[in-house]
Amino acid sequence: MTGAVLAVASAAIGAVMATAALTLGPRLLRRVGSRNPVVVMATALGVYTGTLFLLWLVYLVLATQTWVRPRYVGGALLLVTLGWTVRLAMVSLRARVPVFGDPGPGDGDLGTGGETGAGRA
């Protein structure tokens, strides 16, 4: 095989690894999302640690293969992860999910007190 084919194959392996890691983690967390917050945080930590360990293990195994180009695997992992993160941030900003509830009238108006009467003497 030529060097270009090996590079493309290695990059494809890295892209598949990153996509699998970024897809499976949220799916596992979605299953425990309605449970106790301590359970959710423990699961999130376990999923994150397990994902990093599995990616590292697969990368170590692949790095010993003569047909795999580790630079291209790592580059694809990095690029897919960065692209995924940027897209997730864009979608999250557009979603506008309220954290503490909808703001009432005057909640953003610090000087006048609005409907709450906070600024009246």
PDB file of N, CA and C in Angstrom:
ATOM      1  N   MET A   1       0.845  -1.189   0.000  1.00  0.00           N
ATOM      2  CA  MET A   1       0.000   0.000   0.000  1.00  0.00           C
ATOM      3  C   MET A   1       0.882   1.242   0.000  1.00  0.00           C
ATOM      4  N   THR A   2       0.351   2.296  -0.547  1.00  0.00           N
ATOM      5  CA  THR A   2       1.116   3.535  -0.589  1.00  0.00           C
ATOM      6  C   THR A   2       0.949   4.299   0.718  1.00  0.00           C
ATOM      7  N   GLY A   3       1.823   5.271   0.916  1.00  0.00           N
ATOM      8  CA  GLY A   3       1.783   6.068   2.143  1.00  0.00           C
ATOM      9  C   GLY A   3       0.501   6.862   2.285  1.00  0.00           C
ATOM     10  N   ALA A   4      -0.046   7.348   1.161  1.00  0.00           N
ATOM     11  CA  ALA A   4      -1.274   8.145   1.216  1.00  0.00           C
ATOM     12  C   ALA A   4      -2.463   7.290   1.637  1.00  0.00           C
ATOM     13  N   VAL A   5      -2.525   6.067   1.146  1.00  0.00           N
ATOM     14  CA  VAL A   5      -3.621   5.173   1.511  1.00  0.00           C
ATOM     15  C   VAL A   5      -3.543   4.822   2.993  1.00  0.00           C
ATOM     16  N   LEU A   6      -2.325   4.570   3.476  1.00  0.00           N
ATOM     17  CA  LEU A   6      -2.152   4.258   4.895  1.00  0.00           C
ATOM     18  C   LEU A   6      -2.510   5.455   5.772  1.00  0.00           C
ATOM     19  N   ALA A   7      -2.168   6.645   5.305  1.00  0.00           N
ATOM     20  CA  ALA A   7      -2.503   7.850   6.066  1.00  0.00           C
ATOM     21  C   ALA A   7      -4.012   8.046   6.143  1.00  0.00           C
ATOM     22  N   VAL A   8      -4.706   7.852   5.023  1.00  0.00           N
ATOM     23  CA  VAL A   8      -6.162   8.011   5.007  1.00  0.00           C
ATOM     24  C   VAL A   8      -6.817   6.933   5.881  1.00  0.00           C
ATOM     25  N   ALA A   9      -6.325   5.706   5.794  1.00  0.00           N
ATOM     26  CA  ALA A   9      -6.882   4.631   6.619  1.00  0.00           C
ATOM     27  C   ALA A   9      -6.653   4.914   8.100  1.00  0.00           C
ATOM     28  N   SER A  10      -5.482   5.410   8.441  1.00  0.00           N
ATOM     29  CA  SER A  10      -5.179   5.733   9.840  1.00  0.00           C
ATOM     30  C   SER A  10      -6.063   6.871  10.339  1.00  0.00           C
ATOM     31  N   ALA A  11      -6.256   7.887   9.506  1.00  0.00           N
ATOM     32  CA  ALA A  11      -7.122   9.001   9.896  1.00  0.00           C
ATOM     33  C   ALA A  11      -8.564   8.539  10.056  1.00  0.00           C
ATOM     34  N   ALA A  12      -9.005   7.633   9.205  1.00  0.00           N
ATOM     35  CA  ALA A  12     -10.370   7.102   9.329  1.00  0.00           C
ATOM     36  C   ALA A  12     -10.538   6.331  10.636  1.00  0.00           C
ATOM     37  N   ILE A  13      -9.512   5.576  11.014  1.00  0.00           N
ATOM     38  CA  ILE A  13      -9.565   4.849  12.287  1.00  0.00           C
ATOM     39  C   ILE A  13      -9.677   5.836  13.444  1.00  0.00           C
ATOM     40  N   GLY A  14      -8.890   6.900  13.416  1.00  0.00           N
ATOM     41  CA  GLY A  14      -8.959   7.913  14.468  1.00  0.00           C
ATOM     42  C   GLY A  14     -10.308   8.597  14.527  1.00  0.00           C
ATOM     43  N   ALA A  15     -10.883   8.893  13.367  1.00  0.00           N
ATOM     44  CA  ALA A  15     -12.202   9.533  13.330  1.00  0.00           C
ATOM     45  C   ALA A  15     -13.280   8.611  13.892  1.00  0.00           C
ATOM     46  N   VAL A  16     -13.216   7.334  13.568  1.00  0.00           N
ATOM     47  CA  VAL A  16     -14.193   6.376  14.092  1.00  0.00           C
ATOM     48  C   VAL A  16     -14.037   6.237  15.607  1.00  0.00           C
ATOM     49  N   MET A  17     -12.790   6.203  16.083  1.00  0.00           N
ATOM     50  CA  MET A  17     -12.558   6.104  17.530  1.00  0.00           C
ATOM     51  C   MET A  17     -13.159   7.301  18.260  1.00  0.00           C
ATOM     52  N   ALA A  18     -12.913   8.505  17.741  1.00  0.00           N
ATOM     53  CA  ALA A  18     -13.432   9.708  18.396  1.00  0.00           C
ATOM     54  C   ALA A  18     -14.950   9.753  18.346  1.00  0.00           C
ATOM     55  N   THR A  19     -15.523   9.423  17.198  1.00  0.00           N
ATOM     56  CA  THR A  19     -16.979   9.443  17.063  1.00  0.00           C
ATOM     57  C   THR A  19     -17.629   8.435  18.006  1.00  0.00           C
ATOM     58  N   ALA A  20     -17.055   7.253  18.107  1.00  0.00           N
ATOM     59  CA  ALA A  20     -17.601   6.242  19.021  1.00  0.00           C
ATOM     60  C   ALA A  20     -17.526   6.710  20.467  1.00  0.00           C
ATOM     61  N   ALA A  21     -16.389   7.285  20.849  1.00  0.00           N
ATOM     62  CA  ALA A  21     -16.227   7.749  22.227  1.00  0.00           C
ATOM     63  C   ALA A  21     -17.191   8.893  22.544  1.00  0.00           C
ATOM     64  N   LEU A  22     -17.373   9.810  21.605  1.00  0.00           N
ATOM     65  CA  LEU A  22     -18.227  10.966  21.847  1.00  0.00           C
ATOM     66  C   LEU A  22     -19.712  10.634  21.737  1.00  0.00           C
ATOM     67  N   THR A  23     -20.046   9.525  21.132  1.00  0.00           N
ATOM     68  CA  THR A  23     -21.442   9.117  20.998  1.00  0.00           C
ATOM     69  C   THR A  23     -21.895   8.212  22.138  1.00  0.00           C
ATOM     70  N   LEU A  24     -21.050   7.270  22.512  1.00  0.00           N
ATOM     71  CA  LEU A  24     -21.447   6.296  23.529  1.00  0.00           C
ATOM     72  C   LEU A  24     -21.532   6.892  24.929  1.00  0.00           C
ATOM     73  N   GLY A  25     -20.659   7.838  25.263  1.00  0.00           N
ATOM     74  CA  GLY A  25     -20.682   8.452  26.588  1.00  0.00           C
ATOM     75  C   GLY A  25     -22.012   9.110  26.927  1.00  0.00           C
ATOM     76  N   PRO A  26     -22.502  10.038  26.096  1.00  0.00           N
ATOM     77  CA  PRO A  26     -23.801  10.648  26.371  1.00  0.00           C
ATOM     78  C   PRO A  26     -24.962   9.657  26.377  1.00  0.00           C
ATOM     79  N   ARG A  27     -24.880   8.617  25.560  1.00  0.00           N
ATOM     80  CA  ARG A  27     -25.957   7.613  25.574  1.00  0.00           C
ATOM     81  C   ARG A  27     -26.012   6.877  26.901  1.00  0.00           C
ATOM     82  N   LEU A  28     -24.853   6.563  27.452  1.00  0.00           N
ATOM     83  CA  LEU A  28     -24.835   5.916  28.769  1.00  0.00           C
ATOM     84  C   LEU A  28     -25.341   6.867  29.850  1.00  0.00           C
ATOM     85  N   LEU A  29     -24.964   8.121  29.767  1.00  0.00           N
ATOM     86  CA  LEU A  29     -25.408   9.098  30.773  1.00  0.00           C
ATOM     87  C   LEU A  29     -26.903   9.366  30.672  1.00  0.00           C
ATOM     88  N   ARG A  30     -27.459   9.276  29.494  1.00  0.00           N
ATOM     89  CA  ARG A  30     -28.892   9.505  29.328  1.00  0.00           C
ATOM     90  C   ARG A  30     -29.706   8.448  30.080  1.00  0.00           C
ATOM     91  N   ARG A  31     -29.159   7.259  30.213  1.00  0.00           N
ATOM     92  CA  ARG A  31     -29.864   6.187  30.920  1.00  0.00           C
ATOM     93  C   ARG A  31     -29.970   6.432  32.423  1.00  0.00           C
ATOM     94  N   VAL A  32     -29.009   7.158  32.996  1.00  0.00           N
ATOM     95  CA  VAL A  32     -29.022   7.393  34.441  1.00  0.00           C
ATOM     96  C   VAL A  32     -29.370   8.842  34.777  1.00  0.00           C
ATOM     97  N   GLY A  33     -29.773   9.618  33.800  1.00  0.00           N
ATOM     98  CA  GLY A  33     -30.010  11.047  33.988  1.00  0.00           C
ATOM     99  C   GLY A  33     -31.084  11.395  34.992  1.00  0.00           C
ATOM    100  N   SER A  34     -32.046  10.533  35.217  1.00  0.00           N
ATOM    101  CA  SER A  34     -33.146  10.857  36.123  1.00  0.00           C
ATOM    102  C   SER A  34     -32.905  10.333  37.536  1.00  0.00           C
ATOM    103  N   ARG A  35     -31.754   9.762  37.783  1.00  0.00           N
ATOM    104  CA  ARG A  35     -31.463   9.209  39.109  1.00  0.00           C
ATOM    105  C   ARG A  35     -30.861  10.259  40.019  1.00  0.00           C
ATOM    106  N   ASN A  36     -30.448   9.830  41.172  1.00  0.00           N
ATOM    107  CA  ASN A  36     -29.807  10.668  42.168  1.00  0.00           C
ATOM    108  C   ASN A  36     -28.597  11.388  41.546  1.00  0.00           C
ATOM    109  N   PRO A  37     -28.420  12.693  41.806  1.00  0.00           N
ATOM    110  CA  PRO A  37     -27.291  13.424  41.229  1.00  0.00           C
ATOM    111  C   PRO A  37     -25.926  12.815  41.553  1.00  0.00           C
ATOM    112  N   VAL A  38     -25.788  12.193  42.704  1.00  0.00           N
ATOM    113  CA  VAL A  38     -24.517  11.558  43.057  1.00  0.00           C
ATOM    114  C   VAL A  38     -24.247  10.380  42.117  1.00  0.00           C
ATOM    115  N   VAL A  39     -25.286   9.628  41.800  1.00  0.00           N
ATOM    116  CA  VAL A  39     -25.150   8.499  40.878  1.00  0.00           C
ATOM    117  C   VAL A  39     -24.797   9.004  39.484  1.00  0.00           C
ATOM    118  N   VAL A  40     -25.430  10.084  39.062  1.00  0.00           N
ATOM    119  CA  VAL A  40     -25.159  10.651  37.742  1.00  0.00           C
ATOM    120  C   VAL A  40     -23.705  11.128  37.657  1.00  0.00           C
ATOM    121  N   MET A  41     -23.223  11.820  38.693  1.00  0.00           N
ATOM    122  CA  MET A  41     -21.837  12.313  38.671  1.00  0.00           C
ATOM    123  C   MET A  41     -20.842  11.161  38.709  1.00  0.00           C
ATOM    124  N   ALA A  42     -21.128  10.141  39.504  1.00  0.00           N
ATOM    125  CA  ALA A  42     -20.237   8.981  39.553  1.00  0.00           C
ATOM    126  C   ALA A  42     -20.211   8.264  38.201  1.00  0.00           C
ATOM    127  N   THR A  43     -21.372   8.154  37.572  1.00  0.00           N
ATOM    128  CA  THR A  43     -21.437   7.536  36.257  1.00  0.00           C
ATOM    129  C   THR A  43     -20.681   8.368  35.229  1.00  0.00           C
ATOM    130  N   ALA A  44     -20.846   9.683  35.280  1.00  0.00           N
ATOM    131  CA  ALA A  44     -20.140  10.564  34.346  1.00  0.00           C
ATOM    132  C   ALA A  44     -18.627  10.426  34.507  1.00  0.00           C
ATOM    133  N   LEU A  45     -18.163  10.393  35.740  1.00  0.00           N
ATOM    134  CA  LEU A  45     -16.729  10.228  35.981  1.00  0.00           C
ATOM    135  C   LEU A  45     -16.247   8.870  35.485  1.00  0.00           C
ATOM    136  N   GLY A  46     -17.030   7.828  35.738  1.00  0.00           N
ATOM    137  CA  GLY A  46     -16.668   6.495  35.272  1.00  0.00           C
ATOM    138  C   GLY A  46     -16.644   6.394  33.757  1.00  0.00           C
ATOM    139  N   VAL A  47     -17.643   6.991  33.106  1.00  0.00           N
ATOM    140  CA  VAL A  47     -17.697   6.971  31.641  1.00  0.00           C
ATOM    141  C   VAL A  47     -16.511   7.735  31.066  1.00  0.00           C
ATOM    142  N   TYR A  48     -16.212   8.895  31.620  1.00  0.00           N
ATOM    143  CA  TYR A  48     -15.091   9.698  31.138  1.00  0.00           C
ATOM    144  C   TYR A  48     -13.766   8.954  31.318  1.00  0.00           C
ATOM    145  N   THR A  49     -13.547   8.411  32.493  1.00  0.00           N
ATOM    146  CA  THR A  49     -12.308   7.682  32.770  1.00  0.00           C
ATOM    147  C   THR A  49     -12.212   6.431  31.906  1.00  0.00           C
ATOM    148  N   GLY A  50     -13.292   5.696  31.798  1.00  0.00           N
ATOM    149  CA  GLY A  50     -13.297   4.497  30.968  1.00  0.00           C
ATOM    150  C   GLY A  50     -13.053   4.802  29.499  1.00  0.00           C
ATOM    151  N   THR A  51     -13.654   5.887  29.012  1.00  0.00           N
ATOM    152  CA  THR A  51     -13.459   6.278  27.621  1.00  0.00           C
ATOM    153  C   THR A  51     -12.000   6.637  27.354  1.00  0.00           C
ATOM    154  N   LEU A  52     -11.425   7.435  28.250  1.00  0.00           N
ATOM    155  CA  LEU A  52     -10.011   7.790  28.077  1.00  0.00           C
ATOM    156  C   LEU A  52      -9.113   6.558  28.115  1.00  0.00           C
ATOM    157  N   PHE A  53      -9.391   5.639  29.032  1.00  0.00           N
ATOM    158  CA  PHE A  53      -8.587   4.427  29.144  1.00  0.00           C
ATOM    159  C   PHE A  53      -8.711   3.573  27.880  1.00  0.00           C
ATOM    160  N   LEU A  54      -9.935   3.387  27.381  1.00  0.00           N
ATOM    161  CA  LEU A  54     -10.124   2.579  26.173  1.00  0.00           C
ATOM    162  C   LEU A  54      -9.482   3.216  24.948  1.00  0.00           C
ATOM    163  N   LEU A  55      -9.615   4.543  24.811  1.00  0.00           N
ATOM    164  CA  LEU A  55      -8.961   5.223  23.689  1.00  0.00           C
ATOM    165  C   LEU A  55      -7.445   5.055  23.770  1.00  0.00           C
ATOM    166  N   TRP A  56      -6.899   5.197  24.964  1.00  0.00           N
ATOM    167  CA  TRP A  56      -5.457   5.029  25.150  1.00  0.00           C
ATOM    168  C   TRP A  56      -5.033   3.607  24.817  1.00  0.00           C
ATOM    169  N   LEU A  57      -5.799   2.634  25.279  1.00  0.00           N
ATOM    170  CA  LEU A  57      -5.474   1.229  25.039  1.00  0.00           C
ATOM    171  C   LEU A  57      -5.518   0.894  23.539  1.00  0.00           C
ATOM    172  N   VAL A  58      -6.569   1.331  22.861  1.00  0.00           N
ATOM    173  CA  VAL A  58      -6.682   1.070  21.425  1.00  0.00           C
ATOM    174  C   VAL A  58      -5.559   1.778  20.674  1.00  0.00           C
ATOM    175  N   TYR A  59      -5.246   2.996  21.082  1.00  0.00           N
ATOM    176  CA  TYR A  59      -4.157   3.738  20.437  1.00  0.00           C
ATOM    177  C   TYR A  59      -2.828   3.011  20.621  1.00  0.00           C
ATOM    178  N   LEU A  60      -2.567   2.489  21.815  1.00  0.00           N
ATOM    179  CA  LEU A  60      -1.319   1.748  22.048  1.00  0.00           C
ATOM    180  C   LEU A  60      -1.241   0.493  21.193  1.00  0.00           C
ATOM    181  N   VAL A  61      -2.348  -0.209  21.075  1.00  0.00           N
ATOM    182  CA  VAL A  61      -2.363  -1.426  20.255  1.00  0.00           C
ATOM    183  C   VAL A  61      -2.143  -1.073  18.784  1.00  0.00           C
ATOM    184  N   LEU A  62      -2.825  -0.028  18.314  1.00  0.00           N
ATOM    185  CA  LEU A  62      -2.693   0.358  16.912  1.00  0.00           C
ATOM    186  C   LEU A  62      -1.310   0.929  16.595  1.00  0.00           C
ATOM    187  N   ALA A  63      -0.691   1.588  17.565  1.00  0.00           N
ATOM    188  CA  ALA A  63       0.621   2.203  17.325  1.00  0.00           C
ATOM    189  C   ALA A  63       1.698   1.165  17.045  1.00  0.00           C
ATOM    190  N   THR A  64       1.489  -0.066  17.476  1.00  0.00           N
ATOM    191  CA  THR A  64       2.485  -1.110  17.227  1.00  0.00           C
ATOM    192  C   THR A  64       2.331  -1.734  15.845  1.00  0.00           C
ATOM    193  N   GLN A  65       1.233  -1.463  15.159  1.00  0.00           N
ATOM    194  CA  GLN A  65       1.011  -2.021  13.831  1.00  0.00           C
ATOM    195  C   GLN A  65       1.820  -1.235  12.797  1.00  0.00           C
ATOM    196  N   THR A  66       2.431  -1.933  11.879  1.00  0.00           N
ATOM    197  CA  THR A  66       3.283  -1.269  10.894  1.00  0.00           C
ATOM    198  C   THR A  66       2.488  -0.502   9.852  1.00  0.00           C
ATOM    199  N   TRP A  67       1.245  -0.879   9.616  1.00  0.00           N
ATOM    200  CA  TRP A  67       0.450  -0.211   8.590  1.00  0.00           C
ATOM    201  C   TRP A  67      -0.288   1.020   9.115  1.00  0.00           C
ATOM    202  N   VAL A  68      -0.292   1.239  10.413  1.00  0.00           N
ATOM    203  CA  VAL A  68      -0.991   2.382  11.007  1.00  0.00           C
ATOM    204  C   VAL A  68      -0.007   3.530  11.200  1.00  0.00           C
ATOM    205  N   ARG A  69      -0.440   4.711  10.849  1.00  0.00           N
ATOM    206  CA  ARG A  69       0.356   5.924  11.050  1.00  0.00           C
ATOM    207  C   ARG A  69      -0.196   6.654  12.284  1.00  0.00           C
ATOM    208  N   PRO A  70       0.480   6.529  13.452  1.00  0.00           N
ATOM    209  CA  PRO A  70      -0.050   7.100  14.695  1.00  0.00           C
ATOM    210  C   PRO A  70      -0.316   8.603  14.631  1.00  0.00           C
ATOM    211  N   ARG A  71       0.474   9.333  13.881  1.00  0.00           N
ATOM    212  CA  ARG A  71       0.237  10.781  13.774  1.00  0.00           C
ATOM    213  C   ARG A  71      -1.127  11.079  13.167  1.00  0.00           C
ATOM    214  N   TYR A  72      -1.495  10.310  12.167  1.00  0.00           N
ATOM    215  CA  TYR A  72      -2.778  10.542  11.505  1.00  0.00           C
ATOM    216  C   TYR A  72      -3.947  10.093  12.377  1.00  0.00           C
ATOM    217  N   VAL A  73      -3.757   9.012  13.119  1.00  0.00           N
ATOM    218  CA  VAL A  73      -4.792   8.570  14.063  1.00  0.00           C
ATOM    219  C   VAL A  73      -5.002   9.657  15.114  1.00  0.00           C
ATOM    220  N   GLY A  74      -3.917  10.133  15.705  1.00  0.00           N
ATOM    221  CA  GLY A  74      -4.009  11.182  16.724  1.00  0.00           C
ATOM    222  C   GLY A  74      -4.566  12.482  16.176  1.00  0.00           C
ATOM    223  N   GLY A  75      -4.147  12.846  14.964  1.00  0.00           N
ATOM    224  CA  GLY A  75      -4.655  14.073  14.349  1.00  0.00           C
ATOM    225  C   GLY A  75      -6.149  14.012  14.100  1.00  0.00           C
ATOM    226  N   ALA A  76      -6.606  12.869  13.610  1.00  0.00           N
ATOM    227  CA  ALA A  76      -8.043  12.719  13.373  1.00  0.00           C
ATOM    228  C   ALA A  76      -8.820  12.719  14.685  1.00  0.00           C
ATOM    229  N   LEU A  77      -8.271  12.064  15.713  1.00  0.00           N
ATOM    230  CA  LEU A  77      -8.909  12.101  17.034  1.00  0.00           C
ATOM    231  C   LEU A  77      -9.060  13.547  17.506  1.00  0.00           C
ATOM    232  N   LEU A  78      -8.001  14.316  17.376  1.00  0.00           N
ATOM    233  CA  LEU A  78      -8.025  15.711  17.819  1.00  0.00           C
ATOM    234  C   LEU A  78      -9.005  16.547  17.008  1.00  0.00           C
ATOM    235  N   LEU A  79      -8.955  16.434  15.693  1.00  0.00           N
ATOM    236  CA  LEU A  79      -9.824  17.252  14.849  1.00  0.00           C
ATOM    237  C   LEU A  79     -11.307  16.914  15.033  1.00  0.00           C
ATOM    238  N   VAL A  80     -11.633  15.646  15.102  1.00  0.00           N
ATOM    239  CA  VAL A  80     -13.034  15.263  15.299  1.00  0.00           C
ATOM    240  C   VAL A  80     -13.523  15.728  16.668  1.00  0.00           C
ATOM    241  N   THR A  81     -12.690  15.581  17.701  1.00  0.00           N
ATOM    242  CA  THR A  81     -13.084  16.011  19.043  1.00  0.00           C
ATOM    243  C   THR A  81     -13.277  17.522  19.104  1.00  0.00           C
ATOM    244  N   LEU A  82     -12.372  18.284  18.499  1.00  0.00           N
ATOM    245  CA  LEU A  82     -12.518  19.740  18.490  1.00  0.00           C
ATOM    246  C   LEU A  82     -13.757  20.168  17.710  1.00  0.00           C
ATOM    247  N   GLY A  83     -13.973  19.567  16.551  1.00  0.00           N
ATOM    248  CA  GLY A  83     -15.161  19.888  15.769  1.00  0.00           C
ATOM    249  C   GLY A  83     -16.440  19.551  16.503  1.00  0.00           C
ATOM    250  N   TRP A  84     -16.455  18.407  17.163  1.00  0.00           N
ATOM    251  CA  TRP A  84     -17.626  17.976  17.937  1.00  0.00           C
ATOM    252  C   TRP A  84     -17.891  18.962  19.075  1.00  0.00           C
ATOM    253  N   THR A  85     -16.832  19.379  19.755  1.00  0.00           N
ATOM    254  CA  THR A  85     -16.975  20.292  20.892  1.00  0.00           C
ATOM    255  C   THR A  85     -17.483  21.658  20.441  1.00  0.00           C
ATOM    256  N   VAL A  86     -16.943  22.176  19.340  1.00  0.00           N
ATOM    257  CA  VAL A  86     -17.398  23.470  18.823  1.00  0.00           C
ATOM    258  C   VAL A  86     -18.867  23.384  18.423  1.00  0.00           C
ATOM    259  N   ARG A  87     -19.246  22.321  17.744  1.00  0.00           N
ATOM    260  CA  ARG A  87     -20.644  22.176  17.331  1.00  0.00           C
ATOM    261  C   ARG A  87     -21.572  22.021  18.540  1.00  0.00           C
ATOM    262  N   LEU A  88     -21.136  21.289  19.544  1.00  0.00           N
ATOM    263  CA  LEU A  88     -21.928  21.140  20.764  1.00  0.00           C
ATOM    264  C   LEU A  88     -22.113  22.493  21.458  1.00  0.00           C
ATOM    265  N   ALA A  89     -21.063  23.296  21.497  1.00  0.00           N
ATOM    266  CA  ALA A  89     -21.172  24.628  22.101  1.00  0.00           C
ATOM    267  C   ALA A  89     -22.145  25.503  21.316  1.00  0.00           C
ATOM    268  N   MET A  90     -22.099  25.430  19.997  1.00  0.00           N
ATOM    269  CA  MET A  90     -23.012  26.233  19.178  1.00  0.00           C
ATOM    270  C   MET A  90     -24.467  25.816  19.402  1.00  0.00           C
ATOM    271  N   VAL A  91     -24.709  24.518  19.436  1.00  0.00           N
ATOM    272  CA  VAL A  91     -26.070  24.026  19.655  1.00  0.00           C
ATOM    273  C   VAL A  91     -26.551  24.389  21.055  1.00  0.00           C
ATOM    274  N   SER A  92     -25.680  24.283  22.056  1.00  0.00           N
ATOM    275  CA  SER A  92     -26.055  24.605  23.430  1.00  0.00           C
ATOM    276  C   SER A  92     -26.397  26.081  23.580  1.00  0.00           C
ATOM    277  N   LEU A  93     -25.660  26.949  22.908  1.00  0.00           N
ATOM    278  CA  LEU A  93     -25.955  28.380  22.986  1.00  0.00           C
ATOM    279  C   LEU A  93     -27.284  28.713  22.317  1.00  0.00           C
ATOM    280  N   ARG A  94     -27.606  28.023  21.251  1.00  0.00           N
ATOM    281  CA  ARG A  94     -28.873  28.278  20.561  1.00  0.00           C
ATOM    282  C   ARG A  94     -30.061  27.687  21.291  1.00  0.00           C
ATOM    283  N   ALA A  95     -29.842  26.655  22.092  1.00  0.00           N
ATOM    284  CA  ALA A  95     -30.951  25.987  22.777  1.00  0.00           C
ATOM    285  C   ALA A  95     -31.573  26.881  23.837  1.00  0.00           C
ATOM    286  N   ARG A  96     -30.773  27.699  24.495  1.00  0.00           N
ATOM    287  CA  ARG A  96     -31.252  28.606  25.541  1.00  0.00           C
ATOM    288  C   ARG A  96     -32.104  27.889  26.578  1.00  0.00           C
ATOM    289  N   VAL A  97     -31.556  26.863  27.154  1.00  0.00           N
ATOM    290  CA  VAL A  97     -32.255  26.116  28.195  1.00  0.00           C
ATOM    291  C   VAL A  97     -32.069  26.852  29.513  1.00  0.00           C
ATOM    292  N   PRO A  98     -33.161  27.297  30.150  1.00  0.00           N
ATOM    293  CA  PRO A  98     -33.024  28.007  31.418  1.00  0.00           C
ATOM    294  C   PRO A  98     -32.537  27.073  32.524  1.00  0.00           C
ATOM    295  N   VAL A  99     -31.588  27.556  33.294  1.00  0.00           N
ATOM    296  CA  VAL A  99     -31.034  26.746  34.372  1.00  0.00           C
ATOM    297  C   VAL A  99     -31.891  26.853  35.624  1.00  0.00           C
ATOM    298  N   PHE A 100     -32.331  28.051  35.963  1.00  0.00           N
ATOM    299  CA  PHE A 100     -33.090  28.283  37.181  1.00  0.00           C
ATOM    300  C   PHE A 100     -34.528  28.686  36.918  1.00  0.00           C
ATOM    301  N   GLY A 101     -34.999  28.591  35.720  1.00  0.00           N
ATOM    302  CA  GLY A 101     -36.358  28.999  35.399  1.00  0.00           C
ATOM    303  C   GLY A 101     -36.347  30.248  34.545  1.00  0.00           C
ATOM    304  N   ASP A 102     -37.503  30.600  34.028  1.00  0.00           N
ATOM    305  CA  ASP A 102     -37.609  31.777  33.178  1.00  0.00           C
ATOM    306  C   ASP A 102     -37.480  33.042  34.018  1.00  0.00           C
ATOM    307  N   PRO A 103     -36.746  34.026  33.508  1.00  0.00           N
ATOM    308  CA  PRO A 103     -36.651  35.286  34.249  1.00  0.00           C
ATOM    309  C   PRO A 103     -37.986  36.027  34.210  1.00  0.00           C
ATOM    310  N   GLY A 104     -38.340  36.559  35.317  1.00  0.00           N
ATOM    311  CA  GLY A 104     -39.577  37.327  35.405  1.00  0.00           C
ATOM    312  C   GLY A 104     -39.330  38.758  34.979  1.00  0.00           C
ATOM    313  N   PRO A 105     -40.383  39.570  34.941  1.00  0.00           N
ATOM    314  CA  PRO A 105     -40.214  40.971  34.562  1.00  0.00           C
ATOM    315  C   PRO A 105     -39.323  41.690  35.569  1.00  0.00           C
ATOM    316  N   GLY A 106     -38.355  42.409  35.078  1.00  0.00           N
ATOM    317  CA  GLY A 106     -37.482  43.192  35.945  1.00  0.00           C
ATOM    318  C   GLY A 106     -36.310  42.428  36.514  1.00  0.00           C
ATOM    319  N   ASP A 107     -36.175  41.131  36.225  1.00  0.00           N
ATOM    320  CA  ASP A 107     -35.066  40.362  36.781  1.00  0.00           C
ATOM    321  C   ASP A 107     -33.722  40.808  36.231  1.00  0.00           C
ATOM    322  N   GLY A 108     -33.688  41.292  35.008  1.00  0.00           N
ATOM    323  CA  GLY A 108     -32.429  41.730  34.434  1.00  0.00           C
ATOM    324  C   GLY A 108     -32.191  43.210  34.618  1.00  0.00           C
ATOM    325  N   ASP A 109     -33.111  43.916  35.235  1.00  0.00           N
ATOM    326  CA  ASP A 109     -33.028  45.364  35.392  1.00  0.00           C
ATOM    327  C   ASP A 109     -32.535  45.681  36.793  1.00  0.00           C
ATOM    328  N   LEU A 110     -31.240  45.882  36.949  1.00  0.00           N
ATOM    329  CA  LEU A 110     -30.650  46.020  38.286  1.00  0.00           C
ATOM    330  C   LEU A 110     -30.918  47.352  38.956  1.00  0.00           C
ATOM    331  N   GLY A 111     -31.067  48.434  38.191  1.00  0.00           N
ATOM    332  CA  GLY A 111     -31.183  49.742  38.818  1.00  0.00           C
ATOM    333  C   GLY A 111     -32.576  50.121  39.278  1.00  0.00           C
ATOM    334  N   THR A 112     -33.606  49.610  38.632  1.00  0.00           N
ATOM    335  CA  THR A 112     -34.952  50.094  38.919  1.00  0.00           C
ATOM    336  C   THR A 112     -35.747  49.191  39.825  1.00  0.00           C
ATOM    337  N   GLY A 113     -35.377  47.920  39.896  1.00  0.00           N
ATOM    338  CA  GLY A 113     -36.122  47.008  40.752  1.00  0.00           C
ATOM    339  C   GLY A 113     -37.292  46.354  40.045  1.00  0.00           C
ATOM    340  N   GLY A 114     -37.761  46.867  38.952  1.00  0.00           N
ATOM    341  CA  GLY A 114     -38.833  46.264  38.162  1.00  0.00           C
ATOM    342  C   GLY A 114     -40.056  45.956  38.990  1.00  0.00           C
ATOM    343  N   GLU A 115     -40.608  44.788  38.822  1.00  0.00           N
ATOM    344  CA  GLU A 115     -41.826  44.348  39.515  1.00  0.00           C
ATOM    345  C   GLU A 115     -41.552  43.900  40.946  1.00  0.00           C
ATOM    346  N   THR A 116     -40.285  43.626  41.280  1.00  0.00           N
ATOM    347  CA  THR A 116     -40.002  43.057  42.592  1.00  0.00           C
ATOM    348  C   THR A 116     -39.974  44.095  43.697  1.00  0.00           C
ATOM    349  N   GLY A 117     -39.797  45.332  43.335  1.00  0.00           N
ATOM    350  CA  GLY A 117     -39.771  46.385  44.356  1.00  0.00           C
ATOM    351  C   GLY A 117     -38.414  46.535  44.981  1.00  0.00           C
ATOM    352  N   ALA A 118     -37.401  45.890  44.440  1.00  0.00           N
ATOM    353  CA  ALA A 118     -36.068  45.963  45.037  1.00  0.00           C
ATOM    354  C   ALA A 118     -35.450  47.314  44.728  1.00  0.00           C
ATOM    355  N   GLY A 119     -35.380  48.277  44.843  1.00  0.00           N
ATOM    356  CA  GLY A 119     -34.785  49.539  44.507  1.00  0.00           C
ATOM    357  C   GLY A 119     -35.636  50.653  45.013  1.00  0.00           C
ATOM    358  N   ARG A 120     -36.777  50.328  45.570  1.00  0.00           N
ATOM    359  CA  ARG A 120     -37.643  51.384  46.113  1.00  0.00           C
ATOM    360  C   ARG A 120     -37.192  51.746  47.518  1.00  0.00           C
ATOM    361  N   ALA A 121     -37.363  52.992  47.829  1.00  0.00           N
ATOM    362  CA  ALA A 121     -36.966  53.453  49.165  1.00  0.00           C
ATOM    363  C   ALA A 121     -38.106  53.407  50.124  1.00  0.00           C
TER     364      ALA A 121
END
